[in-house]
């Protein structure tokens, strides 16, 4: 992969079959939800381990509501990254962070307290009752604004599908794109054809 090519994260993986499909299709990251309120929540260490095994050498991201939740997870070190929406502890993470900004307006970007251990930022649609997975697109100009304010590589999330992801990449040139509901048959169950179509759309095939 060239340095300029947009990376791809398929999030909300709940089983090893979907993980293997995502690996085989050429994803760069997989996401496993660790938020109990999510319909894509994976609560079993055994299932997480099976997903990671099926993912081959693709880094698997543990998606947590907060850093405190990540640091309290007994199997947290299975993950390559922690993706968090809130920093609510002074504990130092033992994995690099993907820090999420719920993009509502410019003030949501200006007010983001990005931790020093953050490797990537992720902009997702602001939904009052959800940590991601809303299936809604936000104003992509906010992603451009975040790029101008925060000197870290950025993931673009929120309402992406095989049909609109190429437009998103062309519009804002993100480091990576992140999709969950846009490639599903039902919450937590991936549509393998959509996964392949999404990745091919990003890769220009």
N, C-alpha and C. Protein backbone atom coordinates (compact mmCIF):
# COMPACT_ATOMS: atom_id res chain seq x y z
N UNK A 1 0.84 -1.20 0.00
CA UNK A 1 0.00 0.00 0.00
C UNK A 1 0.87 1.25 0.00
N UNK A 2 0.52 2.22 -0.84
CA UNK A 2 1.25 3.49 -0.85
C UNK A 2 0.83 4.34 0.33
N UNK A 3 1.72 5.27 0.71
CA UNK A 3 1.42 6.13 1.85
C UNK A 3 0.20 7.00 1.61
N UNK A 4 -0.11 7.26 0.34
CA UNK A 4 -1.22 8.16 0.03
C UNK A 4 -2.57 7.45 -0.05
N UNK A 5 -2.56 6.13 -0.07
CA UNK A 5 -3.81 5.40 -0.21
C UNK A 5 -4.60 5.40 1.08
N UNK A 6 -5.88 5.67 0.98
CA UNK A 6 -6.76 5.71 2.15
C UNK A 6 -6.90 4.33 2.78
N UNK A 7 -6.67 4.26 4.08
CA UNK A 7 -6.86 3.01 4.81
C UNK A 7 -8.35 2.77 5.08
N UNK A 8 -8.66 1.53 5.47
CA UNK A 8 -10.05 1.13 5.66
C UNK A 8 -10.21 0.39 6.97
N UNK A 9 -11.16 0.85 7.78
CA UNK A 9 -11.51 0.15 9.02
C UNK A 9 -12.96 -0.32 8.93
N UNK A 10 -13.15 -1.60 9.12
CA UNK A 10 -14.49 -2.17 9.19
C UNK A 10 -14.80 -2.39 10.67
N UNK A 11 -15.78 -1.69 11.16
CA UNK A 11 -16.07 -1.70 12.60
C UNK A 11 -17.34 -2.50 12.89
N UNK A 12 -17.53 -2.81 14.16
CA UNK A 12 -18.72 -3.55 14.57
C UNK A 12 -18.66 -5.02 14.23
N UNK A 13 -17.44 -5.59 14.15
CA UNK A 13 -17.29 -7.02 13.88
C UNK A 13 -17.70 -7.79 15.14
N UNK A 14 -18.55 -8.81 14.94
CA UNK A 14 -19.06 -9.56 16.09
C UNK A 14 -18.76 -11.06 16.03
N UNK A 15 -18.18 -11.52 14.93
CA UNK A 15 -17.95 -12.96 14.78
C UNK A 15 -16.77 -13.22 13.86
N UNK A 16 -16.24 -14.42 13.94
CA UNK A 16 -15.01 -14.75 13.20
C UNK A 16 -15.25 -14.85 11.70
N UNK A 17 -16.44 -15.25 11.26
CA UNK A 17 -16.72 -15.31 9.82
C UNK A 17 -16.63 -13.93 9.19
N UNK A 18 -17.22 -12.94 9.84
CA UNK A 18 -17.15 -11.58 9.32
C UNK A 18 -15.72 -11.04 9.39
N UNK A 19 -15.00 -11.42 10.43
CA UNK A 19 -13.60 -10.99 10.54
C UNK A 19 -12.77 -11.56 9.41
N UNK A 20 -12.98 -12.83 9.08
CA UNK A 20 -12.21 -13.45 7.99
C UNK A 20 -12.56 -12.81 6.65
N UNK A 21 -13.84 -12.54 6.42
CA UNK A 21 -14.24 -11.88 5.19
C UNK A 21 -13.56 -10.52 5.07
N UNK A 22 -13.55 -9.78 6.16
CA UNK A 22 -12.97 -8.44 6.16
C UNK A 22 -11.47 -8.51 5.91
N UNK A 23 -10.81 -9.47 6.53
CA UNK A 23 -9.38 -9.68 6.29
C UNK A 23 -9.13 -10.04 4.83
N UNK A 24 -9.89 -11.00 4.32
CA UNK A 24 -9.69 -11.46 2.94
C UNK A 24 -9.95 -10.35 1.93
N UNK A 25 -10.89 -9.45 2.25
CA UNK A 25 -11.26 -8.38 1.32
C UNK A 25 -10.22 -7.25 1.28
N UNK A 26 -9.34 -7.20 2.29
CA UNK A 26 -8.27 -6.23 2.26
C UNK A 26 -8.39 -5.05 3.20
N UNK A 27 -9.17 -5.21 4.28
CA UNK A 27 -9.27 -4.12 5.26
C UNK A 27 -7.94 -3.93 5.99
N UNK A 28 -7.75 -2.72 6.50
CA UNK A 28 -6.52 -2.39 7.22
C UNK A 28 -6.68 -2.44 8.74
N UNK A 29 -7.91 -2.31 9.21
CA UNK A 29 -8.22 -2.37 10.64
C UNK A 29 -9.60 -3.01 10.80
N UNK A 30 -9.80 -3.71 11.91
CA UNK A 30 -11.11 -4.19 12.32
C UNK A 30 -11.45 -3.56 13.65
N UNK A 31 -12.72 -3.30 13.87
CA UNK A 31 -13.17 -2.74 15.14
C UNK A 31 -14.13 -3.67 15.85
N UNK A 32 -13.92 -3.85 17.15
CA UNK A 32 -14.79 -4.68 17.98
C UNK A 32 -15.38 -3.80 19.07
N UNK A 33 -16.69 -3.70 19.11
CA UNK A 33 -17.38 -2.79 20.02
C UNK A 33 -17.38 -3.36 21.44
N UNK A 34 -16.96 -2.51 22.39
CA UNK A 34 -16.94 -2.88 23.80
C UNK A 34 -17.83 -1.93 24.61
N UNK A 35 -18.92 -1.51 24.00
CA UNK A 35 -19.90 -0.63 24.64
C UNK A 35 -21.19 -1.42 24.84
N UNK A 36 -21.57 -1.73 26.09
CA UNK A 36 -22.70 -2.62 26.33
C UNK A 36 -24.02 -2.18 25.71
N UNK A 37 -24.22 -0.88 25.54
CA UNK A 37 -25.49 -0.40 24.99
C UNK A 37 -25.60 -0.60 23.47
N UNK A 38 -24.52 -0.98 22.83
CA UNK A 38 -24.51 -1.13 21.38
C UNK A 38 -25.06 -2.50 20.97
N UNK A 39 -25.84 -2.56 19.88
CA UNK A 39 -26.29 -3.86 19.37
C UNK A 39 -25.14 -4.69 18.81
N UNK A 40 -23.97 -4.07 18.67
CA UNK A 40 -22.78 -4.77 18.14
C UNK A 40 -21.79 -5.12 19.26
N UNK A 41 -22.25 -5.04 20.48
CA UNK A 41 -21.38 -5.30 21.63
C UNK A 41 -20.91 -6.76 21.65
N UNK A 42 -19.61 -6.94 21.82
CA UNK A 42 -19.02 -8.28 21.98
C UNK A 42 -18.52 -8.37 23.41
N UNK A 43 -19.14 -9.22 24.20
CA UNK A 43 -18.87 -9.25 25.64
C UNK A 43 -18.03 -10.45 26.08
N UNK A 44 -17.68 -11.32 25.14
CA UNK A 44 -16.98 -12.55 25.49
C UNK A 44 -15.52 -12.49 25.06
N UNK A 45 -14.61 -12.75 25.98
CA UNK A 45 -13.19 -12.83 25.64
C UNK A 45 -12.95 -13.91 24.60
N UNK A 46 -13.68 -15.00 24.69
CA UNK A 46 -13.53 -16.10 23.73
C UNK A 46 -13.87 -15.63 22.32
N UNK A 47 -14.96 -14.87 22.19
CA UNK A 47 -15.35 -14.36 20.87
C UNK A 47 -14.34 -13.35 20.36
N UNK A 48 -13.89 -12.46 21.24
CA UNK A 48 -12.87 -11.48 20.84
C UNK A 48 -11.62 -12.19 20.35
N UNK A 49 -11.19 -13.21 21.05
CA UNK A 49 -10.00 -13.96 20.66
C UNK A 49 -10.19 -14.63 19.30
N UNK A 50 -11.39 -15.17 19.05
CA UNK A 50 -11.67 -15.82 17.77
C UNK A 50 -11.66 -14.80 16.63
N UNK A 51 -12.19 -13.62 16.89
CA UNK A 51 -12.17 -12.55 15.88
C UNK A 51 -10.73 -12.16 15.55
N UNK A 52 -9.92 -12.00 16.58
CA UNK A 52 -8.52 -11.59 16.37
C UNK A 52 -7.76 -12.67 15.60
N UNK A 53 -8.02 -13.92 15.91
CA UNK A 53 -7.35 -15.00 15.17
C UNK A 53 -7.76 -14.98 13.70
N UNK A 54 -9.06 -14.76 13.43
CA UNK A 54 -9.55 -14.75 12.05
C UNK A 54 -9.06 -13.53 11.28
N UNK A 55 -8.69 -12.48 12.01
CA UNK A 55 -8.26 -11.23 11.37
C UNK A 55 -6.84 -11.29 10.85
N UNK A 56 -6.14 -12.39 11.11
CA UNK A 56 -4.77 -12.51 10.61
C UNK A 56 -3.87 -11.43 11.18
N UNK A 57 -3.17 -10.72 10.28
CA UNK A 57 -2.25 -9.68 10.74
C UNK A 57 -2.88 -8.29 10.73
N UNK A 58 -4.20 -8.22 10.57
CA UNK A 58 -4.88 -6.92 10.58
C UNK A 58 -5.08 -6.47 12.03
N UNK A 59 -4.66 -5.25 12.38
CA UNK A 59 -4.85 -4.77 13.75
C UNK A 59 -6.33 -4.71 14.13
N UNK A 60 -6.64 -5.15 15.33
CA UNK A 60 -8.01 -5.12 15.82
C UNK A 60 -8.13 -4.05 16.90
N UNK A 61 -9.10 -3.17 16.73
CA UNK A 61 -9.31 -2.03 17.60
C UNK A 61 -10.44 -2.33 18.57
N UNK A 62 -10.19 -2.14 19.85
CA UNK A 62 -11.25 -2.24 20.84
C UNK A 62 -11.91 -0.88 21.00
N UNK A 63 -13.21 -0.82 20.74
CA UNK A 63 -13.96 0.44 20.77
C UNK A 63 -14.68 0.57 22.10
N UNK A 64 -14.25 1.56 22.90
CA UNK A 64 -14.79 1.76 24.25
C UNK A 64 -15.42 3.14 24.36
N UNK A 65 -16.38 3.27 25.25
CA UNK A 65 -16.97 4.59 25.50
C UNK A 65 -15.93 5.53 26.10
N UNK A 66 -15.09 5.00 26.97
CA UNK A 66 -14.14 5.86 27.68
C UNK A 66 -12.82 5.12 27.91
N UNK A 67 -11.80 5.90 28.23
CA UNK A 67 -10.51 5.29 28.55
C UNK A 67 -10.59 4.47 29.82
N UNK A 68 -11.37 4.94 30.79
CA UNK A 68 -11.54 4.16 32.02
C UNK A 68 -12.12 2.78 31.72
N UNK A 69 -13.10 2.71 30.82
CA UNK A 69 -13.67 1.42 30.44
C UNK A 69 -12.61 0.53 29.80
N UNK A 70 -11.79 1.13 28.94
CA UNK A 70 -10.74 0.34 28.30
C UNK A 70 -9.77 -0.22 29.33
N UNK A 71 -9.36 0.62 30.28
CA UNK A 71 -8.35 0.20 31.25
C UNK A 71 -8.90 -0.79 32.27
N UNK A 72 -10.23 -0.87 32.37
CA UNK A 72 -10.85 -1.84 33.28
C UNK A 72 -11.15 -3.18 32.61
N UNK A 73 -10.99 -3.25 31.29
CA UNK A 73 -11.30 -4.47 30.55
C UNK A 73 -10.22 -5.51 30.82
N UNK A 74 -10.61 -6.69 31.26
CA UNK A 74 -9.65 -7.71 31.69
C UNK A 74 -8.84 -8.28 30.52
N UNK A 75 -9.37 -8.17 29.30
CA UNK A 75 -8.67 -8.71 28.13
C UNK A 75 -8.25 -7.60 27.17
N UNK A 76 -8.07 -6.39 27.70
CA UNK A 76 -7.81 -5.22 26.85
C UNK A 76 -6.55 -5.36 26.00
N UNK A 77 -5.55 -6.08 26.51
CA UNK A 77 -4.29 -6.15 25.78
C UNK A 77 -4.37 -7.08 24.56
N UNK A 78 -5.51 -7.71 24.35
CA UNK A 78 -5.71 -8.44 23.09
C UNK A 78 -5.79 -7.46 21.92
N UNK A 79 -6.22 -6.23 22.19
CA UNK A 79 -6.42 -5.25 21.13
C UNK A 79 -5.12 -4.53 20.79
N UNK A 80 -5.02 -4.10 19.53
CA UNK A 80 -3.85 -3.33 19.09
C UNK A 80 -4.00 -1.85 19.41
N UNK A 81 -5.24 -1.36 19.44
CA UNK A 81 -5.55 0.04 19.73
C UNK A 81 -6.79 0.09 20.61
N UNK A 82 -6.90 1.19 21.36
CA UNK A 82 -8.15 1.52 22.03
C UNK A 82 -8.75 2.72 21.32
N UNK A 83 -9.99 2.59 20.92
CA UNK A 83 -10.74 3.73 20.37
C UNK A 83 -11.69 4.21 21.46
N UNK A 84 -11.58 5.48 21.84
CA UNK A 84 -12.35 5.99 22.96
C UNK A 84 -13.01 7.32 22.61
N UNK A 85 -14.13 7.58 23.27
CA UNK A 85 -14.87 8.82 23.07
C UNK A 85 -14.68 9.79 24.23
N UNK A 86 -14.25 9.28 25.36
CA UNK A 86 -14.08 10.12 26.54
C UNK A 86 -12.78 9.76 27.27
N UNK A 87 -12.11 10.76 27.77
CA UNK A 87 -10.93 10.56 28.62
C UNK A 87 -11.36 10.93 30.04
N UNK A 88 -11.55 9.92 30.87
CA UNK A 88 -12.13 10.15 32.19
C UNK A 88 -11.29 9.51 33.30
N UNK A 89 -10.01 9.34 33.04
CA UNK A 89 -9.12 8.77 34.04
C UNK A 89 -7.72 9.32 33.80
N UNK A 90 -6.92 9.36 34.86
CA UNK A 90 -5.52 9.77 34.74
C UNK A 90 -4.60 8.61 34.39
N UNK A 91 -5.17 7.41 34.31
CA UNK A 91 -4.36 6.24 33.97
C UNK A 91 -3.79 6.39 32.56
N UNK A 92 -2.58 5.92 32.38
CA UNK A 92 -1.94 5.97 31.07
C UNK A 92 -2.31 4.71 30.28
N UNK A 93 -2.82 4.87 29.07
CA UNK A 93 -3.19 3.69 28.28
C UNK A 93 -1.97 2.87 27.90
N UNK A 94 -2.16 1.55 27.84
CA UNK A 94 -1.07 0.66 27.45
C UNK A 94 -1.16 0.25 25.98
N UNK A 95 -1.98 0.95 25.24
CA UNK A 95 -2.08 0.81 23.80
C UNK A 95 -2.25 2.20 23.20
N UNK A 96 -1.83 2.41 21.94
CA UNK A 96 -2.09 3.71 21.32
C UNK A 96 -3.58 3.95 21.16
N UNK A 97 -3.94 5.23 21.16
CA UNK A 97 -5.34 5.62 21.14
C UNK A 97 -5.79 6.11 19.77
N UNK A 98 -7.04 5.78 19.46
CA UNK A 98 -7.81 6.46 18.41
C UNK A 98 -8.86 7.27 19.16
N UNK A 99 -8.73 8.58 19.11
CA UNK A 99 -9.61 9.45 19.91
C UNK A 99 -10.76 9.96 19.02
N UNK A 100 -11.98 9.75 19.48
CA UNK A 100 -13.16 10.06 18.68
C UNK A 100 -13.72 11.44 19.02
N UNK A 101 -14.03 12.18 17.98
CA UNK A 101 -14.71 13.47 18.11
C UNK A 101 -16.08 13.34 17.46
N UNK A 102 -17.11 13.63 18.23
CA UNK A 102 -18.47 13.56 17.70
C UNK A 102 -18.77 14.90 17.04
N UNK A 103 -18.70 14.90 15.72
CA UNK A 103 -18.71 16.14 14.94
C UNK A 103 -20.11 16.73 14.84
N UNK A 104 -20.30 17.82 15.53
CA UNK A 104 -21.58 18.54 15.49
C UNK A 104 -21.41 19.90 14.83
N UNK A 105 -20.35 20.60 15.23
CA UNK A 105 -20.03 21.91 14.66
C UNK A 105 -18.55 22.18 14.94
N UNK A 106 -18.07 23.36 14.57
CA UNK A 106 -16.65 23.66 14.76
C UNK A 106 -16.27 23.66 16.24
N UNK A 107 -17.20 24.02 17.11
CA UNK A 107 -16.88 24.05 18.54
C UNK A 107 -16.60 22.65 19.08
N UNK A 108 -17.22 21.62 18.49
CA UNK A 108 -16.95 20.25 18.94
C UNK A 108 -15.52 19.84 18.60
N UNK A 109 -14.97 20.42 17.55
CA UNK A 109 -13.57 20.18 17.20
C UNK A 109 -12.66 21.03 18.09
N UNK A 110 -13.00 22.31 18.23
CA UNK A 110 -12.18 23.22 19.04
C UNK A 110 -12.10 22.75 20.49
N UNK A 111 -13.18 22.15 20.98
CA UNK A 111 -13.22 21.74 22.38
C UNK A 111 -12.66 20.37 22.66
N UNK A 112 -12.20 19.68 21.63
CA UNK A 112 -11.69 18.32 21.82
C UNK A 112 -10.35 18.36 22.55
N UNK A 113 -10.27 17.64 23.66
CA UNK A 113 -9.04 17.56 24.45
C UNK A 113 -8.32 16.28 24.05
N UNK A 114 -7.51 16.37 23.01
CA UNK A 114 -6.87 15.19 22.43
C UNK A 114 -5.69 14.78 23.30
N UNK A 115 -5.70 13.56 23.84
CA UNK A 115 -4.60 13.13 24.72
C UNK A 115 -3.28 13.02 23.96
N UNK A 116 -2.19 13.14 24.69
CA UNK A 116 -0.87 13.09 24.07
C UNK A 116 -0.54 11.71 23.53
N UNK A 117 -1.22 10.68 24.03
CA UNK A 117 -0.97 9.31 23.57
C UNK A 117 -1.79 8.96 22.33
N UNK A 118 -2.50 9.93 21.77
CA UNK A 118 -3.35 9.68 20.62
C UNK A 118 -2.51 9.51 19.35
N UNK A 119 -2.78 8.43 18.63
CA UNK A 119 -2.11 8.20 17.34
C UNK A 119 -2.95 8.70 16.17
N UNK A 120 -4.28 8.54 16.32
CA UNK A 120 -5.21 8.98 15.27
C UNK A 120 -6.42 9.64 15.93
N UNK A 121 -7.02 10.57 15.20
CA UNK A 121 -8.34 11.04 15.59
C UNK A 121 -9.37 10.39 14.67
N UNK A 122 -10.60 10.34 15.12
CA UNK A 122 -11.70 9.81 14.32
C UNK A 122 -12.87 10.75 14.48
N UNK A 123 -13.38 11.25 13.37
CA UNK A 123 -14.57 12.09 13.40
C UNK A 123 -15.78 11.27 13.01
N UNK A 124 -16.78 11.30 13.87
CA UNK A 124 -18.02 10.54 13.65
C UNK A 124 -19.19 11.48 13.83
N UNK A 125 -20.33 11.08 13.33
CA UNK A 125 -21.53 11.88 13.45
C UNK A 125 -21.96 12.03 14.91
N UNK A 126 -22.29 13.24 15.32
CA UNK A 126 -22.81 13.45 16.66
C UNK A 126 -24.23 12.91 16.75
N UNK A 127 -24.41 11.95 17.65
CA UNK A 127 -25.73 11.41 17.93
C UNK A 127 -25.88 11.41 19.45
N UNK A 128 -26.87 12.13 19.98
CA UNK A 128 -26.97 12.30 21.43
C UNK A 128 -27.02 11.00 22.22
N UNK A 129 -27.59 9.94 21.64
CA UNK A 129 -27.82 8.71 22.39
C UNK A 129 -26.92 7.56 21.97
N UNK A 130 -25.88 7.84 21.13
CA UNK A 130 -25.05 6.75 20.63
C UNK A 130 -23.59 7.16 20.58
N UNK A 131 -22.72 6.16 20.78
CA UNK A 131 -21.30 6.33 20.51
C UNK A 131 -21.03 5.68 19.15
N UNK A 132 -21.32 6.40 18.08
CA UNK A 132 -21.11 5.86 16.74
C UNK A 132 -22.20 4.90 16.33
N UNK A 133 -22.07 4.39 15.10
CA UNK A 133 -23.04 3.42 14.59
C UNK A 133 -24.39 4.01 14.26
N UNK A 134 -24.46 5.34 14.09
CA UNK A 134 -25.75 5.97 13.82
C UNK A 134 -26.20 5.79 12.38
N UNK A 135 -25.27 5.58 11.48
CA UNK A 135 -25.61 5.48 10.06
C UNK A 135 -25.89 6.82 9.42
N UNK A 136 -25.56 7.91 10.10
CA UNK A 136 -25.85 9.25 9.60
C UNK A 136 -24.57 9.95 9.18
N UNK A 137 -24.65 10.70 8.09
CA UNK A 137 -23.51 11.45 7.59
C UNK A 137 -23.48 12.83 8.23
N UNK A 138 -22.28 13.32 8.58
CA UNK A 138 -22.16 14.69 9.07
C UNK A 138 -21.55 15.57 7.97
N UNK A 139 -21.47 16.84 8.22
CA UNK A 139 -20.92 17.80 7.28
C UNK A 139 -19.41 17.56 7.14
N UNK A 140 -19.00 17.07 5.98
CA UNK A 140 -17.59 16.70 5.81
C UNK A 140 -16.65 17.89 5.89
N UNK A 141 -17.16 19.09 5.77
CA UNK A 141 -16.28 20.26 5.92
C UNK A 141 -15.71 20.32 7.34
N UNK A 142 -16.40 19.71 8.31
CA UNK A 142 -15.86 19.65 9.67
C UNK A 142 -14.63 18.77 9.75
N UNK A 143 -14.56 17.78 8.89
CA UNK A 143 -13.36 16.94 8.84
C UNK A 143 -12.18 17.76 8.32
N UNK A 144 -12.43 18.56 7.29
CA UNK A 144 -11.39 19.45 6.78
C UNK A 144 -10.95 20.43 7.85
N UNK A 145 -11.91 20.94 8.61
CA UNK A 145 -11.60 21.89 9.69
C UNK A 145 -10.73 21.21 10.75
N UNK A 146 -11.07 19.96 11.09
CA UNK A 146 -10.28 19.24 12.09
C UNK A 146 -8.87 19.01 11.60
N UNK A 147 -8.70 18.70 10.33
CA UNK A 147 -7.37 18.51 9.76
C UNK A 147 -6.52 19.78 9.90
N UNK A 148 -7.17 20.92 9.80
CA UNK A 148 -6.43 22.18 9.91
C UNK A 148 -6.07 22.52 11.35
N UNK A 149 -6.78 21.92 12.32
CA UNK A 149 -6.58 22.25 13.73
C UNK A 149 -5.79 21.20 14.50
N UNK A 150 -5.86 19.95 14.06
CA UNK A 150 -5.27 18.85 14.81
C UNK A 150 -4.29 18.12 13.90
N UNK A 151 -3.04 18.11 14.27
CA UNK A 151 -2.00 17.57 13.39
C UNK A 151 -1.80 16.08 13.60
N UNK A 152 -2.89 15.33 13.44
CA UNK A 152 -2.84 13.88 13.53
C UNK A 152 -3.61 13.28 12.36
N UNK A 153 -3.22 12.10 11.89
CA UNK A 153 -3.99 11.45 10.84
C UNK A 153 -5.42 11.20 11.31
N UNK A 154 -6.38 11.33 10.39
CA UNK A 154 -7.78 11.24 10.77
C UNK A 154 -8.56 10.15 10.05
N UNK A 155 -9.42 9.48 10.81
CA UNK A 155 -10.40 8.54 10.27
C UNK A 155 -11.71 9.30 10.06
N UNK A 156 -12.35 9.08 8.92
CA UNK A 156 -13.67 9.64 8.66
C UNK A 156 -14.71 8.54 8.82
N UNK A 157 -15.69 8.77 9.68
CA UNK A 157 -16.76 7.80 9.93
C UNK A 157 -18.10 8.52 9.79
N UNK A 158 -19.18 7.75 9.93
CA UNK A 158 -20.51 8.34 9.94
C UNK A 158 -21.25 8.21 8.63
N UNK A 159 -22.10 7.19 8.53
CA UNK A 159 -22.99 7.06 7.39
C UNK A 159 -22.33 6.68 6.08
N UNK A 160 -21.12 6.18 6.12
CA UNK A 160 -20.45 5.78 4.89
C UNK A 160 -21.01 4.45 4.38
N UNK A 161 -21.07 4.33 3.05
CA UNK A 161 -21.59 3.14 2.38
C UNK A 161 -20.73 2.87 1.14
N UNK A 162 -20.92 1.72 0.49
CA UNK A 162 -20.22 1.49 -0.77
C UNK A 162 -20.55 2.54 -1.83
N UNK A 163 -21.72 3.16 -1.71
CA UNK A 163 -22.16 4.13 -2.72
C UNK A 163 -21.59 5.52 -2.53
N UNK A 164 -21.27 5.91 -1.29
CA UNK A 164 -20.82 7.29 -1.08
C UNK A 164 -19.37 7.41 -0.62
N UNK A 165 -18.70 6.29 -0.35
CA UNK A 165 -17.37 6.39 0.24
C UNK A 165 -16.35 6.98 -0.73
N UNK A 166 -16.48 6.70 -2.03
CA UNK A 166 -15.54 7.28 -3.00
C UNK A 166 -15.68 8.79 -3.01
N UNK A 167 -16.91 9.30 -2.93
CA UNK A 167 -17.12 10.75 -2.86
C UNK A 167 -16.49 11.34 -1.62
N UNK A 168 -16.59 10.62 -0.50
CA UNK A 168 -15.99 11.09 0.75
C UNK A 168 -14.48 11.16 0.64
N UNK A 169 -13.87 10.14 0.08
CA UNK A 169 -12.42 10.12 -0.08
C UNK A 169 -11.97 11.25 -1.00
N UNK A 170 -12.69 11.43 -2.09
CA UNK A 170 -12.34 12.51 -3.03
C UNK A 170 -12.51 13.88 -2.39
N UNK A 171 -13.50 14.01 -1.51
CA UNK A 171 -13.82 15.33 -0.94
C UNK A 171 -12.81 15.76 0.12
N UNK A 172 -12.39 14.84 1.01
CA UNK A 172 -11.59 15.27 2.16
C UNK A 172 -10.28 14.51 2.33
N UNK A 173 -10.02 13.52 1.48
CA UNK A 173 -8.75 12.79 1.52
C UNK A 173 -8.37 12.36 2.94
N UNK A 174 -9.19 11.56 3.59
CA UNK A 174 -8.85 11.14 4.96
C UNK A 174 -7.71 10.13 4.97
N UNK A 175 -7.04 10.03 6.10
CA UNK A 175 -6.06 8.96 6.28
C UNK A 175 -6.76 7.61 6.16
N UNK A 176 -7.97 7.53 6.76
CA UNK A 176 -8.72 6.27 6.75
C UNK A 176 -10.21 6.56 6.78
N UNK A 177 -10.98 5.59 6.31
CA UNK A 177 -12.44 5.63 6.44
C UNK A 177 -12.87 4.49 7.35
N UNK A 178 -13.99 4.69 8.01
CA UNK A 178 -14.48 3.75 9.01
C UNK A 178 -15.96 3.50 8.73
N UNK A 179 -16.33 2.22 8.64
CA UNK A 179 -17.72 1.87 8.34
C UNK A 179 -18.19 0.76 9.26
N UNK A 180 -19.46 0.82 9.64
CA UNK A 180 -20.07 -0.26 10.41
C UNK A 180 -21.43 -0.60 9.82
N UNK A 181 -22.44 0.23 10.09
CA UNK A 181 -23.79 -0.09 9.63
C UNK A 181 -23.91 -0.08 8.11
N UNK A 182 -23.05 0.65 7.42
CA UNK A 182 -23.14 0.75 5.97
C UNK A 182 -22.79 -0.51 5.22
N UNK A 183 -22.26 -1.52 5.91
CA UNK A 183 -21.93 -2.79 5.26
C UNK A 183 -22.57 -3.97 6.02
N UNK A 184 -23.74 -3.73 6.59
CA UNK A 184 -24.42 -4.75 7.38
C UNK A 184 -25.70 -5.26 6.72
N UNK A 185 -26.04 -6.51 7.04
CA UNK A 185 -27.37 -7.05 6.74
C UNK A 185 -28.34 -6.72 7.87
N UNK A 186 -27.82 -6.74 9.08
CA UNK A 186 -28.56 -6.36 10.28
C UNK A 186 -27.52 -5.96 11.31
N UNK A 187 -27.91 -5.26 12.39
CA UNK A 187 -26.90 -4.78 13.34
C UNK A 187 -26.00 -5.91 13.85
N UNK A 188 -24.71 -5.78 13.57
CA UNK A 188 -23.73 -6.76 14.03
C UNK A 188 -23.46 -7.89 13.07
N UNK A 189 -24.21 -7.96 11.97
CA UNK A 189 -24.01 -9.01 10.97
C UNK A 189 -23.64 -8.37 9.65
N UNK A 190 -22.43 -8.63 9.16
CA UNK A 190 -21.95 -7.98 7.95
C UNK A 190 -22.53 -8.65 6.69
N UNK A 191 -22.75 -7.82 5.70
CA UNK A 191 -23.08 -8.27 4.34
C UNK A 191 -21.75 -8.36 3.60
N UNK A 192 -21.30 -9.56 3.32
CA UNK A 192 -19.95 -9.74 2.79
C UNK A 192 -19.77 -9.10 1.42
N UNK A 193 -20.82 -9.10 0.63
CA UNK A 193 -20.73 -8.43 -0.68
C UNK A 193 -20.55 -6.93 -0.49
N UNK A 194 -21.25 -6.34 0.48
CA UNK A 194 -21.11 -4.90 0.74
C UNK A 194 -19.71 -4.58 1.28
N UNK A 195 -19.18 -5.47 2.12
CA UNK A 195 -17.81 -5.26 2.63
C UNK A 195 -16.84 -5.20 1.47
N UNK A 196 -16.95 -6.16 0.55
CA UNK A 196 -16.05 -6.17 -0.61
C UNK A 196 -16.27 -4.94 -1.49
N UNK A 197 -17.53 -4.58 -1.71
CA UNK A 197 -17.83 -3.41 -2.55
C UNK A 197 -17.27 -2.13 -1.94
N UNK A 198 -17.38 -2.01 -0.62
CA UNK A 198 -16.88 -0.82 0.08
C UNK A 198 -15.37 -0.71 -0.10
N UNK A 199 -14.67 -1.80 0.15
CA UNK A 199 -13.21 -1.78 0.05
C UNK A 199 -12.77 -1.52 -1.39
N UNK A 200 -13.44 -2.12 -2.33
CA UNK A 200 -13.10 -1.89 -3.74
C UNK A 200 -13.37 -0.47 -4.16
N UNK A 201 -14.42 0.14 -3.62
CA UNK A 201 -14.72 1.54 -3.94
C UNK A 201 -13.61 2.46 -3.45
N UNK A 202 -13.11 2.19 -2.23
CA UNK A 202 -12.02 3.01 -1.69
C UNK A 202 -10.74 2.81 -2.49
N UNK A 203 -10.49 1.59 -2.86
CA UNK A 203 -9.24 1.27 -3.56
C UNK A 203 -9.31 1.57 -5.05
N UNK A 204 -10.49 2.03 -5.53
CA UNK A 204 -10.62 2.40 -6.93
C UNK A 204 -10.70 1.24 -7.88
N UNK A 205 -11.25 0.12 -7.40
CA UNK A 205 -11.37 -1.06 -8.27
C UNK A 205 -12.83 -1.35 -8.57
